[in-house]
Amino acid sequence: MRIRNWSLGYLFGYIFTTIGIRSFYRKYKVVGKENIPKGKPILFAGNHQNAFLEGAILGYVTRSPIYFLARSDIFKKKAASFMLTSLNALPIYRERDGADYRDKNEEVFEQFYDLLAKNRRIVIFPEGNHGKHQQLRSLKKGIFRIAVGAEAKYNNELDVQVVPVGINYGKFENMGGDLLIQFGTPIAIKDYIADNSAKQEENYIELVGELRKRMSDQMIDIQKMDYYDLIHFTMKTFDAEIGLLEQE
């Protein structure tokens, strides 16, 4: 993959996303952009309700090119592969994609390391999948393996930052709802780099817990599934009164 910023395909996608956000949502708001470090490599860690929408949203609101992962099977058709590559997507391989899926993923991660070394911005959804519920599901530690791997490749001189993001929909299924994007305080990976693998695994566990807390603070996170339907129904019923965004 050629490491680039803007390309014709990415510019087209950016324009398309701009039109989509401004027409689909009644109102949108971005909070906490001051928490995005300047001049540093960034991994955005966002919650994931829609299959593709969140990556496009983050690329739009940060006003800078982002890179993200997409399932490898989507790249099989040449037209789709060309489009996804133009949009700065890289494939992620699963066990069902073949016995060498781990090796293929390592190749992709190597490209991410080089992107971070050039202070590029990458979006990772640490839940590992998407779901319709407004809640934060279990997080995987892959995002931190990428961050630590990049630091290791470049002698711990990158200062990679993991920025928690909450993407909140007033009406997830329908047009005309509000959209709130919140950026939390970043995690500096250099503070969690260990000198041995056993300690590093402990640090990954600590990082996952810390990231979970920071992401939950930025989003609608309904963890009580026994009451989920009631809470969600109440939010939709009184959407006009409570609103996702502050009234101005």
Protein backbone atom coordinates (compact mmCIF):
# COMPACT_ATOMS: atom_id res chain seq x y z
CA MET A 1 0.00 0.00 0.00
CA ARG A 2 1.28 3.42 -0.93
CA ILE A 3 1.31 5.69 2.11
CA ARG A 4 -0.48 8.82 1.04
CA ASN A 5 -2.73 11.56 2.30
CA TRP A 6 -5.42 12.73 -0.07
CA SER A 7 -6.18 10.85 -3.27
CA LEU A 8 -8.90 11.37 -5.87
CA GLY A 9 -10.85 8.40 -4.53
CA TYR A 10 -10.54 9.57 -0.95
CA LEU A 11 -11.58 13.10 -1.90
CA PHE A 12 -14.69 11.71 -3.63
CA GLY A 13 -15.51 9.65 -0.54
CA TYR A 14 -15.02 12.68 1.69
CA ILE A 15 -17.42 14.77 -0.39
CA PHE A 16 -19.98 11.95 -0.45
CA THR A 17 -19.74 11.58 3.34
CA THR A 18 -20.13 15.34 3.82
CA ILE A 19 -23.34 15.35 1.80
CA GLY A 20 -24.61 12.24 3.59
CA ILE A 21 -24.02 13.55 7.13
CA ARG A 22 -25.54 16.95 6.42
CA SER A 23 -28.64 15.48 4.79
CA PHE A 24 -29.24 12.33 6.87
CA TYR A 25 -28.88 13.84 10.36
CA ARG A 26 -31.00 16.65 11.70
CA LYS A 27 -28.07 18.04 13.61
CA TYR A 28 -24.60 16.89 14.57
CA LYS A 29 -22.09 18.05 17.11
CA VAL A 30 -18.44 17.29 17.83
CA VAL A 31 -17.11 17.54 21.39
CA GLY A 32 -13.56 17.22 22.69
CA LYS A 33 -11.53 17.85 19.53
CA GLU A 34 -8.98 19.52 21.80
CA ASN A 35 -8.19 16.00 23.08
CA ILE A 36 -6.79 14.98 19.68
CA PRO A 37 -2.99 15.38 19.95
CA LYS A 38 -1.32 17.43 17.25
CA GLY A 39 1.75 16.16 15.42
CA LYS A 40 1.55 12.64 16.86
CA PRO A 41 0.52 9.23 15.47
CA ILE A 42 -3.04 8.45 16.51
CA LEU A 43 -5.18 5.36 16.83
CA PHE A 44 -8.83 6.35 17.22
CA ALA A 45 -10.74 3.75 19.27
CA GLY A 46 -14.44 4.06 18.49
CA ASN A 47 -17.61 2.16 19.30
CA HIS A 48 -19.15 0.35 16.37
CA GLN A 49 -22.87 0.22 15.57
CA ASN A 50 -22.74 0.54 11.77
CA ALA A 51 -20.62 -1.60 9.46
CA PHE A 52 -18.97 1.27 7.53
CA LEU A 53 -20.48 4.52 8.73
CA GLU A 54 -18.29 5.27 11.75
CA GLY A 55 -15.01 5.27 9.83
CA ALA A 56 -16.44 7.75 7.32
CA ILE A 57 -17.80 9.93 10.12
CA LEU A 58 -14.44 10.13 11.89
CA GLY A 59 -12.66 10.96 8.65
CA TYR A 60 -15.13 13.79 8.10
CA VAL A 61 -15.14 15.36 11.57
CA THR A 62 -11.35 15.25 12.04
CA ARG A 63 -10.82 16.92 8.65
CA SER A 64 -7.84 14.71 7.85
CA PRO A 65 -7.37 11.40 6.02
CA ILE A 66 -7.83 8.29 8.14
CA TYR A 67 -6.98 4.64 7.54
CA PHE A 68 -9.08 1.71 8.68
CA LEU A 69 -9.56 -2.06 8.46
CA ALA A 70 -12.20 -3.92 6.45
CA ARG A 71 -12.96 -7.62 6.13
CA SER A 72 -10.65 -9.27 3.60
CA ASP A 73 -13.45 -10.99 1.68
CA ILE A 74 -14.75 -7.59 0.56
CA PHE A 75 -11.48 -7.06 -1.34
CA LYS A 76 -11.92 -10.15 -3.53
CA LYS A 77 -13.63 -8.30 -6.37
CA LYS A 78 -11.29 -5.97 -8.27
CA ALA A 79 -13.73 -3.06 -8.36
CA ALA A 80 -14.38 -3.26 -4.62
CA SER A 81 -10.67 -3.65 -3.87
CA PHE A 82 -9.85 -0.58 -5.96
CA MET A 83 -12.52 1.49 -4.22
CA LEU A 84 -11.56 0.39 -0.71
CA THR A 85 -7.87 0.97 -1.34
CA SER A 86 -8.69 4.46 -2.64
CA LEU A 87 -10.51 5.08 0.64
CA ASN A 88 -7.41 4.04 2.66
CA ALA A 89 -8.81 0.69 3.77
CA LEU A 90 -6.64 -2.35 4.48
CA PRO A 91 -7.87 -5.95 4.76
CA ILE A 92 -8.10 -7.83 8.02
CA TYR A 93 -8.02 -11.62 7.75
CA ARG A 94 -9.97 -14.13 9.83
CA GLU A 95 -9.34 -17.81 10.52
CA ARG A 96 -11.87 -18.75 7.85
CA ASP A 97 -9.72 -16.92 5.26
CA GLY A 98 -7.01 -19.59 5.36
CA ALA A 99 -4.31 -21.13 7.51
CA ASP A 100 -1.96 -18.23 6.79
CA TYR A 101 -4.35 -15.56 8.06
CA ARG A 102 -2.04 -14.63 10.93
CA ASP A 103 0.89 -14.05 8.58
CA LYS A 104 -1.28 -11.92 6.30
CA ASN A 105 -2.45 -9.83 9.24
CA GLU A 106 1.15 -9.31 10.32
CA GLU A 107 1.86 -7.86 6.88
CA VAL A 108 -1.06 -5.48 7.29
CA PHE A 109 0.10 -4.48 10.76
CA GLU A 110 3.55 -3.72 9.36
CA GLN A 111 1.89 -1.22 7.05
CA PHE A 112 0.08 0.30 10.02
CA TYR A 113 3.40 0.65 11.84
CA ASP A 114 4.77 2.63 8.90
CA LEU A 115 1.64 4.77 8.74
CA LEU A 116 1.96 5.63 12.42
CA ALA A 117 5.63 6.50 11.89
CA LYS A 118 4.43 9.15 9.44
CA ASN A 119 1.93 10.54 11.97
CA ARG A 120 -1.05 9.19 10.07
CA ARG A 121 -4.39 8.61 11.80
CA ILE A 122 -5.89 5.13 12.01
CA VAL A 123 -9.39 4.12 13.11
CA ILE A 124 -9.78 0.83 14.96
CA PHE A 125 -13.02 -0.54 16.42
CA PRO A 126 -11.76 -2.57 19.39
CA GLU A 127 -15.10 -4.35 19.88
CA GLY A 128 -14.13 -6.34 16.79
CA ASN A 129 -17.63 -6.35 15.30
CA HIS A 130 -20.66 -4.13 15.05
CA GLY A 131 -24.04 -4.39 16.76
CA LYS A 132 -27.25 -2.38 16.92
CA HIS A 133 -27.39 -1.98 20.69
CA GLN A 134 -26.24 1.27 22.26
CA GLN A 135 -23.75 -0.32 24.56
CA LEU A 136 -20.03 -0.95 24.66
CA ARG A 137 -19.28 -4.62 24.08
CA SER A 138 -16.13 -6.49 25.12
CA LEU A 139 -12.93 -4.94 23.79
CA LYS A 140 -10.07 -6.79 22.13
CA LYS A 141 -6.44 -5.90 22.66
CA GLY A 142 -5.44 -5.83 18.98
CA ILE A 143 -5.39 -2.03 18.93
CA PHE A 144 -2.70 -2.05 21.62
CA ARG A 145 -0.67 -4.74 19.86
CA ILE A 146 -0.56 -2.45 16.83
CA ALA A 147 0.48 0.53 18.96
CA VAL A 148 3.19 -1.37 20.85
CA GLY A 149 4.36 -3.05 17.63
CA ALA A 150 4.81 0.33 15.97
CA GLU A 151 6.79 1.64 18.92
CA ALA A 152 8.99 -1.47 18.91
CA LYS A 153 9.72 -1.13 15.19
CA TYR A 154 10.71 2.51 15.60
CA ASN A 155 12.71 2.26 18.84
CA ASN A 156 9.94 3.58 21.10
CA GLU A 157 10.28 7.06 19.61
CA LEU A 158 6.80 7.52 18.04
CA ASP A 159 4.70 8.44 21.09
CA VAL A 160 1.60 6.69 19.72
CA GLN A 161 -1.66 7.99 21.19
CA VAL A 162 -4.89 6.01 21.52
CA VAL A 163 -7.87 8.40 21.50
CA PRO A 164 -11.22 7.04 22.78
CA VAL A 165 -14.25 8.07 20.71
CA GLY A 166 -17.95 7.85 21.41
CA ILE A 167 -20.27 7.90 18.38
CA ASN A 168 -23.84 8.45 19.51
CA TYR A 169 -27.00 8.32 17.41
CA GLY A 170 -30.29 9.89 18.42
CA LYS A 171 -32.14 7.67 15.94
CA PHE A 172 -29.94 4.80 14.89
CA GLU A 173 -32.32 3.33 12.33
CA ASN A 174 -33.97 6.43 10.89
CA MET A 175 -33.17 9.64 9.10
CA GLY A 176 -33.54 12.93 10.97
CA GLY A 177 -31.89 12.04 14.26
CA ASP A 178 -29.04 13.76 16.05
CA LEU A 179 -25.42 12.70 15.90
CA LEU A 180 -22.95 13.36 18.70
CA ILE A 181 -19.24 12.53 18.39
CA GLN A 182 -17.14 12.86 21.53
CA PHE A 183 -13.35 12.53 21.82
CA GLY A 184 -11.93 11.59 25.22
CA THR A 185 -8.49 12.06 26.71
CA PRO A 186 -5.81 10.01 24.93
CA ILE A 187 -3.74 7.13 26.28
CA ALA A 188 0.01 7.46 25.71
CA ILE A 189 1.24 3.98 24.77
CA LYS A 190 4.83 4.70 25.83
CA ASP A 191 3.63 4.60 29.46
CA TYR A 192 2.59 0.95 29.02
CA ILE A 193 5.57 -0.55 27.21
CA ALA A 194 7.20 -3.39 29.18
CA ASP A 195 10.64 -4.98 28.83
CA ASN A 196 9.33 -8.56 28.79
CA SER A 197 6.38 -10.36 27.20
CA ALA A 198 4.74 -11.47 30.46
CA LYS A 199 4.59 -7.94 31.82
CA GLN A 200 3.44 -6.66 28.44
CA GLU A 201 0.47 -9.04 28.52
CA GLU A 202 -0.42 -7.67 31.95
CA ASN A 203 -0.21 -4.16 30.53
CA TYR A 204 -2.55 -5.11 27.69
CA ILE A 205 -5.15 -6.19 30.23
CA GLU A 206 -4.75 -2.91 32.10
CA LEU A 207 -4.98 -0.94 28.84
CA VAL A 208 -8.18 -2.70 27.79
CA GLY A 209 -9.77 -1.82 31.13
CA GLU A 210 -8.64 1.79 30.93
CA LEU A 211 -9.81 2.18 27.34
CA ARG A 212 -13.18 0.66 28.19
CA LYS A 213 -13.71 3.24 30.92
CA ARG A 214 -12.71 6.14 28.70
CA MET A 215 -14.85 4.99 25.77
CA SER A 216 -17.87 4.39 27.99
CA ASP A 217 -17.58 7.96 29.30
CA GLN A 218 -17.98 9.28 25.74
CA MET A 219 -21.02 7.30 24.60
CA ILE A 220 -24.49 6.04 25.39
CA ASP A 221 -23.60 2.80 27.14
CA ILE A 222 -26.64 0.85 28.34
CA GLN A 223 -25.11 -2.11 30.16
CA LYS A 224 -28.21 -3.38 31.99
CA MET A 225 -29.61 -5.67 29.31
CA ASP A 226 -32.58 -6.63 31.51
CA TYR A 227 -33.75 -3.02 31.19
CA TYR A 228 -32.30 -2.22 27.78
CA ASP A 229 -35.58 -2.22 25.83
CA LEU A 230 -37.27 0.00 28.43
CA ILE A 231 -34.40 2.50 28.52
CA HIS A 232 -34.07 2.57 24.74
CA PHE A 233 -37.84 2.99 24.25
CA THR A 234 -37.89 5.86 26.75
CA MET A 235 -35.00 7.59 24.98
CA LYS A 236 -36.77 7.33 21.60
CA THR A 237 -40.14 8.40 23.02
CA PHE A 238 -38.76 11.52 24.65
CA ASP A 239 -36.13 12.30 22.03
CA ALA A 240 -37.61 15.74 21.35
CA GLU A 241 -37.62 16.62 25.05
CA ILE A 242 -34.25 15.30 26.19
CA GLY A 243 -32.38 15.45 22.88
CA LEU A 244 -29.01 13.89 22.20
CA LEU A 245 -27.47 17.34 21.80
CA GLU A 246 -27.65 20.34 24.06
CA GLN A 247 -30.41 22.74 23.13
CA GLU A 248 -29.16 26.08 21.85
